[in-house]
Amino acid sequence: MVRPRRAVIVGGGMGGLALAARLRANGWAVAVYEAGPRTGGRANRIERDGYRFDTGPTLLNYPWVFEQLFAVAGRRLADYVELAEVDPSIRFIWPDGAELTLSSRIGLLLREFERFEPGVGPRVMAFMTDAERKYRLAFDRLATRNADGILSWLRGLTPADLLRSAVWRSLDGELRRCFRSPRLRQALGSYAMYLGGSPWDLPGLFSILPYGELAHGLWLPRGGMYALVEGVERLARELGAEIHTNARVARIRVAGGRAEGVELAGGRFEPADAVVSNVDVPTTWRELLDRDRRPPRMTPGVVTFYWGLRDSIGGLDHHTIFLPDNVRATYGDLLRRGRIPDQLAFYVCVASARDRSLAPPGGSTVFALVPVPRLSELGPIDWPHATADLRRRVRERLRRHGADFDAGRIEVEEVWTPEVWRARYGLWDGSAFGAAHGLFELGPFRSPNRDPDVRGLYYVGASTVPGTGVPLVTLGAAMTAERMLADAH
């Protein structure tokens, strides 16, 4: 009997779990080693005194990605995870009290946009039609294609496809084609911050991000986003993957130019035919391989606040994004000047408003995420002082918009700085969302999912192809599996 090929996956984030399931479905033996007490990576959970918080991602987009994953094993996503649509999905609030609510219901969306730009209806429909073409181009022919060079990546694309992609125009420039209102562009361009850029320097192709959420909706798994992690982990285990928690990998062992396995923190060696790192690529290089490669440009860090309130909180929807008066200045502070912005842009999630199981009876969970520069840009910083100032500024902004809560109502509080994120999940430079997504940081320009120097060493996660976010790292697992299966034959 032929021994099945064995893969060892370092890190049990969503990319590692999805890859474990795909490899098992193709007959590989798989062992996942996760340093923490539970899987999930950035998409983790805090549980205290009856309150449950998702640590990072708070809503699911592109559910079709996970339907595809479960279908590979002949299973149904709905049998593992219960999804509830969140619509209206996101509310944007400016300091002067102006509000914009996004929705997948086109009538509501048009009414909202009309308040900011009368007569915009036909241009909204033109935007949706154009972005749908980009979306199909990106996901069918670009984002999910393994390629070792620009020519192979673009093979099969026509000049019309390249023109339609708008990679040569900025995201703001692309939005400007349809919307005159600066605030409509600010809202739709706000996704740029989590990709490591601004709407003025990221490619216009990323107009697919607001489109994707409008067209495919936003969803909350019952039990929070971590329930999705539990569903994918359950799938991987049912297929026969070994998943070990509290099992830190000390290094990836390489001999003769080939990865031969991993050495655990206790000294035990685990051999493998292939090793996959689900840890940030530059962290893998420096800490697991002792290499001194130049790291890719990374996305910003975050300070996250988790508050468990003894009662309900008004004035906030499930997902609210607070934008500043001077958006350009905020992006400049965050991305170029390396300082905590004078005017904060942040988002707040009250998941318990949709799922009462996330808080004790009558209570609420409030999660605030504030983007800040990477650790290397901030330099020495007094985090207790900095987080106290951010807490004050966030709560002042909430109070201004009718969503205040006094300290006496807080039963649980946790604060995670970029230092905490780095220590818990190996996030390089405290970057919250992995490698950045400029034009020359996409596709074959991005850190590849197959190591160019070490045979049998692969990568999956937010710092390799195709990019950051729970759906994309799950698609990335399919791409890494494709590489590994092809190399094995």
Protein backbone atom coordinates (compact mmCIF):
# COMPACT_ATOMS: atom_id res chain seq x y z
CA MET A 1 0.00 0.00 0.00
CA VAL A 2 1.38 3.41 -1.00
CA ARG A 3 1.84 5.80 1.90
CA PRO A 4 -0.17 9.01 1.44
CA ARG A 5 1.82 12.20 1.19
CA ARG A 6 1.99 14.07 4.50
CA ALA A 7 1.67 17.82 4.93
CA VAL A 8 2.41 19.75 8.10
CA ILE A 9 0.67 23.13 8.37
CA VAL A 10 2.14 25.71 10.72
CA GLY A 11 -0.72 27.79 12.13
CA GLY A 12 -4.43 27.12 12.30
CA GLY A 13 -5.87 30.32 10.87
CA MET A 14 -8.68 30.16 8.33
CA GLY A 15 -6.22 29.61 5.50
CA GLY A 16 -4.55 26.70 7.28
CA LEU A 17 -7.85 25.06 8.21
CA ALA A 18 -9.29 25.42 4.70
CA LEU A 19 -6.10 24.00 3.21
CA ALA A 20 -6.19 21.06 5.64
CA ALA A 21 -9.71 20.24 4.49
CA ARG A 22 -8.78 20.46 0.80
CA LEU A 23 -5.68 18.32 1.16
CA ARG A 24 -7.56 15.66 3.13
CA ALA A 25 -10.26 15.63 0.45
CA ASN A 26 -7.44 14.78 -1.98
CA GLY A 27 -6.07 11.92 0.12
CA TRP A 28 -3.16 13.62 1.90
CA ALA A 29 -2.32 13.02 5.54
CA VAL A 30 -2.44 16.42 7.28
CA ALA A 31 -1.31 17.71 10.66
CA VAL A 32 -1.96 21.31 11.76
CA TYR A 33 0.11 22.78 14.60
CA GLU A 34 -1.39 25.89 16.19
CA ALA A 35 0.58 27.77 18.85
CA GLY A 36 -2.50 29.20 20.57
CA PRO A 37 -5.19 27.52 22.65
CA ARG A 38 -7.65 27.56 19.75
CA THR A 39 -7.58 27.82 15.98
CA GLY A 40 -8.66 30.85 13.95
CA GLY A 41 -5.65 33.16 13.94
CA ARG A 42 -6.83 36.76 13.60
CA ALA A 43 -10.42 35.48 13.42
CA ASN A 44 -10.51 34.39 17.03
CA ARG A 45 -12.75 34.70 20.07
CA ILE A 46 -12.68 36.26 23.53
CA GLU A 47 -14.99 34.70 26.12
CA ARG A 48 -15.42 36.37 29.51
CA ASP A 49 -18.27 36.34 32.02
CA GLY A 50 -20.86 35.38 29.45
CA TYR A 51 -19.69 37.84 26.79
CA ARG A 52 -18.30 36.56 23.51
CA PHE A 53 -16.37 38.79 21.11
CA ASP A 54 -14.97 38.09 17.67
CA THR A 55 -11.43 39.41 17.88
CA GLY A 56 -11.08 40.54 14.26
CA PRO A 57 -13.50 39.95 11.35
CA THR A 58 -17.08 40.70 12.41
CA LEU A 59 -19.09 40.05 9.25
CA LEU A 60 -18.89 37.52 6.43
CA ASN A 61 -18.89 38.53 2.79
CA TYR A 62 -18.78 36.29 -0.29
CA PRO A 63 -20.45 33.23 1.31
CA TRP A 64 -20.09 31.46 -2.05
CA VAL A 65 -16.38 30.99 -1.24
CA PHE A 66 -17.27 28.77 1.72
CA GLU A 67 -20.01 26.96 -0.16
CA GLN A 68 -17.31 25.98 -2.66
CA LEU A 69 -14.98 24.82 0.12
CA PHE A 70 -17.55 22.53 1.71
CA ALA A 71 -18.67 21.24 -1.70
CA VAL A 72 -15.13 19.94 -2.33
CA ALA A 73 -15.79 17.41 0.43
CA GLY A 74 -19.37 16.73 -0.67
CA ARG A 75 -20.76 18.72 2.26
CA ARG A 76 -23.06 21.73 2.62
CA LEU A 77 -22.03 24.92 4.40
CA ALA A 78 -25.56 25.27 5.77
CA ASP A 79 -25.16 22.00 7.71
CA TYR A 80 -22.21 23.45 9.61
CA VAL A 81 -22.87 27.20 9.88
CA GLU A 82 -26.13 29.10 10.19
CA LEU A 83 -25.93 32.45 8.39
CA ALA A 84 -28.21 35.45 8.93
CA GLU A 85 -28.13 38.32 6.45
CA VAL A 86 -27.27 41.72 7.92
CA ASP A 87 -29.20 44.34 5.97
CA PRO A 88 -28.92 47.30 6.14
CA SER A 89 -25.28 46.34 6.31
CA ILE A 90 -23.01 49.27 7.17
CA ARG A 91 -23.68 52.80 8.38
CA PHE A 92 -21.15 55.59 7.83
CA ILE A 93 -21.19 58.62 10.14
CA TRP A 94 -19.30 61.90 9.69
CA PRO A 95 -18.46 64.33 12.52
CA ASP A 96 -21.25 66.75 11.54
CA GLY A 97 -23.83 63.98 11.98
CA ALA A 98 -24.33 63.15 8.30
CA GLU A 99 -25.10 59.43 7.84
CA LEU A 100 -25.09 57.03 4.91
CA THR A 101 -26.46 53.49 5.14
CA LEU A 102 -25.55 50.78 2.64
CA SER A 103 -27.95 48.01 1.72
CA SER A 104 -28.28 45.18 -0.79
CA ARG A 105 -31.86 46.34 -1.35
CA ILE A 106 -31.46 48.58 -4.35
CA GLY A 107 -34.44 50.80 -3.46
CA LEU A 108 -33.00 51.68 -0.05
CA LEU A 109 -29.53 52.13 -1.53
CA LEU A 110 -30.78 54.54 -4.18
CA ARG A 111 -32.73 56.59 -1.63
CA GLU A 112 -29.63 56.88 0.55
CA PHE A 113 -27.38 57.92 -2.34
CA GLU A 114 -29.95 60.43 -3.59
CA ARG A 115 -29.74 62.28 -0.27
CA PHE A 116 -26.10 63.04 -1.01
CA GLU A 117 -26.32 63.44 -4.77
CA PRO A 118 -29.75 64.10 -6.31
CA GLY A 119 -30.23 62.35 -9.64
CA VAL A 120 -27.50 59.80 -8.95
CA GLY A 121 -29.73 56.76 -9.57
CA PRO A 122 -28.61 55.97 -13.15
CA ARG A 123 -24.96 56.38 -12.15
CA VAL A 124 -25.43 53.95 -9.24
CA MET A 125 -26.73 51.37 -11.68
CA ALA A 126 -23.86 52.09 -14.08
CA PHE A 127 -21.40 51.63 -11.21
CA MET A 128 -22.96 48.31 -10.23
CA THR A 129 -22.92 47.04 -13.82
CA ASP A 130 -19.29 48.05 -14.38
CA ALA A 131 -18.12 46.73 -11.01
CA GLU A 132 -19.87 43.41 -11.63
CA ARG A 133 -17.76 42.95 -14.77
CA LYS A 134 -14.60 43.75 -12.78
CA TYR A 135 -15.71 41.36 -10.03
CA ARG A 136 -16.12 38.49 -12.48
CA LEU A 137 -12.82 39.34 -14.17
CA ALA A 138 -11.02 39.45 -10.82
CA PHE A 139 -12.38 36.25 -9.32
CA ASP A 140 -12.70 34.15 -12.46
CA ARG A 141 -9.47 35.08 -14.22
CA LEU A 142 -7.05 37.01 -12.01
CA ALA A 143 -7.25 36.68 -8.24
CA THR A 144 -7.45 32.88 -8.12
CA ARG A 145 -4.89 32.12 -10.84
CA ASN A 146 -1.52 30.71 -9.80
CA ALA A 147 1.10 32.41 -11.94
CA ASP A 148 4.88 32.76 -11.75
CA GLY A 149 5.12 35.86 -13.89
CA ILE A 150 3.13 38.77 -15.24
CA LEU A 151 2.74 37.24 -18.71
CA SER A 152 1.29 33.96 -17.46
CA TRP A 153 -0.96 35.87 -15.05
CA LEU A 154 -2.43 37.99 -17.81
CA ARG A 155 -2.55 35.21 -20.41
CA GLY A 156 -5.95 35.04 -22.06
CA LEU A 157 -6.98 38.58 -21.12
CA THR A 158 -7.96 40.84 -23.99
CA PRO A 159 -7.09 44.54 -24.26
CA ALA A 160 -10.73 45.21 -23.38
CA ASP A 161 -10.35 43.16 -20.19
CA LEU A 162 -7.28 45.14 -19.18
CA LEU A 163 -9.05 48.40 -19.90
CA ARG A 164 -12.07 47.29 -17.88
CA SER A 165 -9.90 46.32 -14.91
CA ALA A 166 -9.03 50.00 -14.24
CA VAL A 167 -5.73 49.00 -12.64
CA TRP A 168 -4.18 52.05 -14.28
CA ARG A 169 -6.65 54.39 -12.52
CA SER A 170 -6.91 54.98 -8.76
CA LEU A 171 -9.85 53.72 -6.74
CA ASP A 172 -10.98 57.30 -6.10
CA GLY A 173 -10.60 58.07 -9.80
CA GLU A 174 -12.76 55.08 -10.64
CA LEU A 175 -15.43 56.12 -8.12
CA ARG A 176 -15.26 59.69 -9.44
CA ARG A 177 -16.47 58.45 -12.81
CA CYS A 178 -19.87 57.74 -11.24
CA PHE A 179 -20.14 59.88 -8.11
CA ARG A 180 -19.61 63.62 -7.68
CA SER A 181 -20.34 63.60 -3.95
CA PRO A 182 -17.07 63.46 -1.96
CA ARG A 183 -18.87 61.66 0.85
CA LEU A 184 -20.17 58.89 -1.37
CA ARG A 185 -16.60 58.40 -2.61
CA GLN A 186 -15.24 58.51 0.93
CA ALA A 187 -17.63 55.79 2.06
CA LEU A 188 -17.09 53.49 -0.93
CA GLY A 189 -13.35 54.15 -0.85
CA SER A 190 -12.96 53.47 2.88
CA TYR A 191 -12.09 49.81 2.22
CA ALA A 192 -8.68 51.03 1.04
CA MET A 193 -7.47 51.59 4.60
CA TYR A 194 -7.60 47.86 5.32
CA LEU A 195 -5.64 47.07 2.16
CA GLY A 196 -2.67 49.19 3.17
CA GLY A 197 -3.38 52.12 0.89
CA SER A 198 -5.64 55.07 0.27
CA PRO A 199 -8.37 55.55 -2.38
CA TRP A 200 -5.94 57.85 -4.19
CA ASP A 201 -3.21 55.26 -4.68
CA LEU A 202 -4.90 51.83 -4.76
CA PRO A 203 -5.94 50.50 -8.20
CA GLY A 204 -9.44 51.17 -9.47
CA LEU A 205 -10.00 47.42 -9.67
CA PHE A 206 -10.81 47.56 -5.94
CA SER A 207 -14.19 49.12 -6.70
CA ILE A 208 -15.18 45.44 -6.57
CA LEU A 209 -14.98 45.58 -2.75
CA PRO A 210 -18.03 47.78 -2.09
CA TYR A 211 -19.77 46.13 -5.05
CA GLY A 212 -19.20 42.64 -3.66
CA GLU A 213 -20.82 43.51 -0.34
CA LEU A 214 -23.75 45.26 -2.01
CA ALA A 215 -24.33 42.46 -4.52
CA HIS A 216 -23.69 39.42 -2.31
CA GLY A 217 -24.70 40.88 1.06
CA LEU A 218 -23.08 40.76 4.47
CA TRP A 219 -23.76 37.87 6.82
CA LEU A 220 -23.36 37.01 10.49
CA PRO A 221 -22.89 33.36 11.44
CA ARG A 222 -24.98 32.42 14.46
CA GLY A 223 -22.56 32.52 17.39
CA GLY A 224 -20.43 35.17 15.69
CA MET A 225 -17.74 34.92 13.04
CA TYR A 226 -15.86 32.40 15.13
CA ALA A 227 -18.68 29.94 14.43
CA LEU A 228 -17.42 29.90 10.83
CA VAL A 229 -13.93 28.99 12.06
CA GLU A 230 -15.47 26.19 14.14
CA GLY A 231 -17.40 24.97 11.11
CA VAL A 232 -14.30 24.78 8.90
CA GLU A 233 -12.29 23.14 11.69
CA ARG A 234 -15.05 20.56 12.18
CA LEU A 235 -15.00 19.86 8.44
CA ALA A 236 -11.22 19.35 8.46
CA ARG A 237 -11.38 17.05 11.49
CA GLU A 238 -14.22 14.99 10.02
CA LEU A 239 -12.12 14.50 6.90
CA GLY A 240 -9.30 13.17 9.06
CA ALA A 241 -6.97 16.13 9.61
CA GLU A 242 -5.00 16.15 12.86
CA ILE A 243 -5.31 19.56 14.53
CA HIS A 244 -3.07 20.30 17.51
CA THR A 245 -3.46 23.44 19.63
CA ASN A 246 -0.99 24.79 22.19
CA ALA A 247 1.63 23.31 19.86
CA ARG A 248 4.13 25.97 18.86
CA VAL A 249 6.48 25.29 15.95
CA ALA A 250 10.00 26.50 16.75
CA ARG A 251 11.40 26.19 13.24
CA ILE A 252 10.93 24.70 9.82
CA ARG A 253 13.75 22.27 9.17
CA VAL A 254 15.39 22.47 5.74
CA ALA A 255 18.02 20.07 4.40
CA GLY A 256 19.51 19.96 0.92
CA GLY A 257 17.24 22.76 -0.27
CA ARG A 258 14.08 20.90 0.76
CA ALA A 259 11.69 21.30 3.69
CA GLU A 260 11.76 18.04 5.58
CA GLY A 261 9.43 18.87 8.48
CA VAL A 262 9.06 21.04 11.56
CA GLU A 263 10.60 21.11 14.99
CA LEU A 264 8.14 21.81 17.80
CA ALA A 265 8.96 24.05 20.76
CA GLY A 266 9.56 20.99 22.96
CA GLY A 267 12.15 19.65 20.52
CA ARG A 268 10.07 16.94 18.83
CA PHE A 269 10.56 16.64 15.08
CA GLU A 270 7.56 16.11 12.80
CA PRO A 271 8.58 14.92 9.32
CA ALA A 272 6.61 15.92 6.25
CA ASP A 273 6.63 15.66 2.49
CA ALA A 274 5.50 19.29 2.39
CA VAL A 275 5.41 22.10 4.94
CA VAL A 276 2.94 24.99 4.73
CA SER A 277 3.19 28.15 6.82
CA ASN A 278 -0.03 29.93 7.71
CA VAL A 279 2.03 32.45 9.68
CA ASP A 280 2.72 35.86 8.09
CA VAL A 281 5.31 35.31 5.36
CA PRO A 282 7.97 37.70 6.76
CA THR A 283 7.48 36.25 10.26
CA THR A 284 8.02 32.80 8.77
CA TRP A 285 11.23 33.94 7.10
CA ARG A 286 12.73 35.58 10.18
CA GLU A 287 11.51 33.35 13.00
CA LEU A 288 10.97 29.91 11.48
CA LEU A 289 13.63 29.86 8.74
CA ASP A 290 16.21 32.35 10.10
CA ARG A 291 16.27 34.17 6.77
CA ASP A 292 16.95 37.85 6.25
CA ARG A 293 14.73 38.56 3.26
CA ARG A 294 13.27 42.00 2.71
CA PRO A 295 9.66 41.91 3.97
CA PRO A 296 6.78 43.07 1.77
CA ARG A 297 5.01 46.33 2.55
CA MET A 298 2.42 45.60 5.20
CA THR A 299 -1.00 46.98 6.07
CA PRO A 300 -1.50 49.16 9.18
CA GLY A 301 -1.85 47.89 12.72
CA VAL A 302 -4.92 48.27 14.91
CA VAL A 303 -5.89 48.95 18.48
CA THR A 304 -9.02 46.98 19.35
CA PHE A 305 -11.35 47.54 22.29
CA TYR A 306 -13.78 44.89 23.55
CA TRP A 307 -16.45 46.14 25.96
CA GLY A 308 -19.11 44.02 27.61
CA LEU A 309 -21.98 46.26 28.81
CA ARG A 310 -24.49 45.23 31.45
CA ASP A 311 -27.34 46.77 29.40
CA SER A 312 -28.21 47.71 25.85
CA ILE A 313 -26.61 50.52 23.86
CA GLY A 314 -28.58 52.77 21.54
CA GLY A 315 -27.55 54.72 18.48
CA LEU A 316 -25.45 51.97 16.91
CA ASP A 317 -26.25 49.38 14.26
CA HIS A 318 -24.45 46.08 13.90
CA HIS A 319 -21.61 47.69 11.93
CA THR A 320 -20.83 51.42 11.94
CA ILE A 321 -17.86 53.21 10.40
CA PHE A 322 -16.94 56.63 11.77
CA LEU A 323 -15.17 58.81 9.21
CA PRO A 324 -13.26 62.06 9.88
CA ASP A 325 -13.76 65.51 8.37
CA ASN A 326 -10.42 65.45 6.57
CA VAL A 327 -10.09 61.96 5.16
CA ARG A 328 -6.93 62.73 3.19
CA ALA A 329 -5.15 63.94 6.34
CA THR A 330 -6.13 60.78 8.21
CA TYR A 331 -4.78 58.56 5.45
CA GLY A 332 -1.62 60.66 5.36
CA ASP A 333 -1.03 60.30 9.11
CA LEU A 334 -1.69 56.58 8.99
CA LEU A 335 0.19 55.60 5.84
CA ARG A 336 2.88 58.24 5.23
CA ARG A 337 3.63 60.18 8.39
CA GLY A 338 3.60 57.13 10.68
CA ARG A 339 1.59 58.64 13.49
CA ILE A 340 -1.76 57.98 15.09
CA PRO A 341 -4.16 60.20 13.11
CA ASP A 342 -5.27 63.52 14.55
CA GLN A 343 -8.74 62.64 13.25
CA LEU A 344 -9.58 59.00 13.79
CA ALA A 345 -11.32 56.73 11.34
CA PHE A 346 -12.62 53.62 13.10
CA TYR A 347 -15.41 51.10 13.12
CA VAL A 348 -17.67 49.77 15.84
CA CYS A 349 -19.53 46.46 15.87
CA VAL A 350 -22.43 45.60 18.19
CA ALA A 351 -22.88 41.96 17.17
CA SER A 352 -25.12 41.24 20.16
CA ALA A 353 -27.77 43.46 18.56
CA ARG A 354 -28.20 40.72 15.94
CA ASP A 355 -27.29 37.65 17.98
CA ARG A 356 -28.40 37.79 21.62
CA SER A 357 -26.40 34.64 22.44
CA LEU A 358 -23.20 36.73 22.37
CA ALA A 359 -23.98 38.56 25.64
CA PRO A 360 -25.70 37.77 28.97
CA PRO A 361 -29.44 38.57 29.14
CA GLY A 362 -29.91 42.31 28.71
CA GLY A 363 -26.22 42.91 27.99
CA SER A 364 -24.33 44.09 24.91
CA THR A 365 -20.99 43.48 23.23
CA VAL A 366 -19.24 46.51 21.74
CA PHE A 367 -16.12 46.08 19.60
CA ALA A 368 -14.16 49.10 18.33
CA LEU A 369 -11.27 48.84 15.85
CA VAL A 370 -8.95 51.82 15.36
CA PRO A 371 -6.32 51.62 12.58
CA VAL A 372 -2.86 52.88 13.61
CA PRO A 373 0.55 52.80 11.88
CA ARG A 374 2.77 49.74 12.01
CA LEU A 375 5.04 49.29 15.02
CA SER A 376 8.23 50.14 13.13
CA GLU A 377 6.73 53.46 12.04
CA LEU A 378 5.37 54.41 15.45
CA GLY A 379 8.68 53.85 17.21
CA PRO A 380 8.81 53.75 21.02
CA ILE A 381 5.33 54.35 22.39
CA ASP A 382 3.68 54.33 25.81
CA TRP A 383 0.80 52.00 25.02
CA PRO A 384 -1.13 52.47 28.30
CA HIS A 385 -1.14 56.23 27.66
CA ALA A 386 -1.88 55.83 23.95
CA THR A 387 -4.77 53.42 24.48
CA ALA A 388 -6.26 55.61 27.22
CA ASP A 389 -6.22 58.55 24.77
CA LEU A 390 -7.76 56.43 21.99
CA ARG A 391 -10.44 55.13 24.37
CA ARG A 392 -11.33 58.71 25.31
CA ARG A 393 -11.46 59.87 21.69
CA VAL A 394 -13.57 56.92 20.52
CA ARG A 395 -16.06 57.36 23.33
CA GLU A 396 -16.26 61.13 22.77
CA ARG A 397 -17.16 60.45 19.16
CA LEU A 398 -19.76 57.86 20.19
CA ARG A 399 -21.22 60.33 22.68
CA ARG A 400 -21.50 62.98 19.98
CA HIS A 401 -23.70 60.62 17.97
CA GLY A 402 -25.91 59.43 20.83
CA ALA A 403 -24.16 56.15 21.64
CA ASP A 404 -22.43 56.94 24.92
CA PHE A 405 -21.93 54.54 27.81
CA ASP A 406 -20.37 55.36 31.17
CA ALA A 407 -17.68 53.31 32.85
CA GLY A 408 -20.12 51.95 35.41
CA ARG A 409 -21.94 50.01 32.69
CA ILE A 410 -18.78 48.18 31.56
CA GLU A 411 -18.53 44.68 33.05
CA VAL A 412 -15.77 43.43 30.73
CA GLU A 413 -13.01 45.31 28.94
CA GLU A 414 -10.04 44.10 26.93
CA VAL A 415 -7.66 46.22 24.86
CA TRP A 416 -5.33 44.74 22.24
CA THR A 417 -2.52 46.87 20.85
CA PRO A 418 -0.40 45.98 17.79
CA GLU A 419 2.11 44.53 20.26
CA VAL A 420 -0.56 42.16 21.56
CA TRP A 421 -1.59 41.19 18.04
CA ARG A 422 2.03 40.52 17.11
CA ALA A 423 2.69 38.39 20.17
CA ARG A 424 -0.52 36.34 19.90
CA TYR A 425 -0.58 35.61 16.18
CA GLY A 426 2.89 36.31 14.80
CA LEU A 427 1.71 39.39 12.89
CA TRP A 428 4.72 40.96 11.26
CA ASP A 429 5.37 44.52 12.51
CA GLY A 430 1.98 44.42 14.23
CA SER A 431 0.25 44.61 10.83
CA ALA A 432 -3.39 43.65 11.25
CA PHE A 433 -4.32 42.63 7.71
CA GLY A 434 -1.19 41.10 6.18
CA ALA A 435 0.69 42.39 3.14
CA ALA A 436 -0.52 45.53 1.36
CA HIS A 437 -2.34 45.57 -1.99
CA GLY A 438 -0.85 48.21 -4.28
CA LEU A 439 -0.72 47.58 -8.03
CA PHE A 440 2.69 45.91 -7.77
CA GLU A 441 1.65 43.90 -4.73
CA LEU A 442 -0.95 41.78 -6.52
CA GLY A 443 -0.81 38.44 -8.32
CA PRO A 444 2.75 37.45 -9.33
CA PHE A 445 4.15 40.58 -7.63
CA ARG A 446 2.91 39.35 -4.24
CA SER A 447 4.85 36.91 -2.02
CA PRO A 448 4.23 33.57 -3.77
CA ASN A 449 2.47 30.62 -2.16
CA ARG A 450 5.36 28.33 -3.16
CA ASP A 451 8.80 29.18 -1.82
CA PRO A 452 11.18 29.91 -4.72
CA ASP A 453 14.24 28.60 -2.90
CA VAL A 454 13.06 25.71 -0.72
CA ARG A 455 11.36 22.75 -2.36
CA GLY A 456 8.33 21.46 -0.53
CA LEU A 457 7.70 24.74 1.34
CA TYR A 458 4.44 26.60 0.76
CA TYR A 459 2.48 29.51 2.21
CA VAL A 460 -1.17 30.35 2.83
CA GLY A 461 -2.78 33.36 4.47
CA ALA A 462 -3.09 37.13 4.25
CA SER A 463 0.53 37.81 3.25
CA THR A 464 0.53 35.66 0.14
CA VAL A 465 -1.80 35.34 -2.86
CA PRO A 466 -4.51 36.35 -3.44
CA GLY A 467 -4.78 38.77 -0.49
CA THR A 468 -6.25 39.65 2.87
CA GLY A 469 -9.69 38.94 4.35
CA VAL A 470 -11.39 35.72 5.37
CA PRO A 471 -12.81 34.88 1.91
CA LEU A 472 -9.56 35.64 0.09
CA VAL A 473 -7.37 33.54 2.38
CA THR A 474 -9.89 30.73 1.92
CA LEU A 475 -9.57 31.08 -1.85
CA GLY A 476 -5.81 31.19 -1.28
CA ALA A 477 -6.04 27.77 0.37
CA ALA A 478 -7.46 26.41 -2.88
CA MET A 479 -4.57 27.99 -4.80
CA THR A 480 -1.94 26.54 -2.44
CA ALA A 481 -3.59 23.13 -2.64
CA GLU A 482 -3.48 23.34 -6.43
CA ARG A 483 0.26 24.06 -6.30
CA MET A 484 0.94 21.19 -3.91
CA LEU A 485 -1.12 18.65 -5.83
CA ALA A 486 0.55 19.63 -9.12
CA ASP A 487 4.04 19.42 -7.61
CA ALA A 488 3.32 15.98 -6.19
CA HIS A 489 2.78 14.51 -9.66
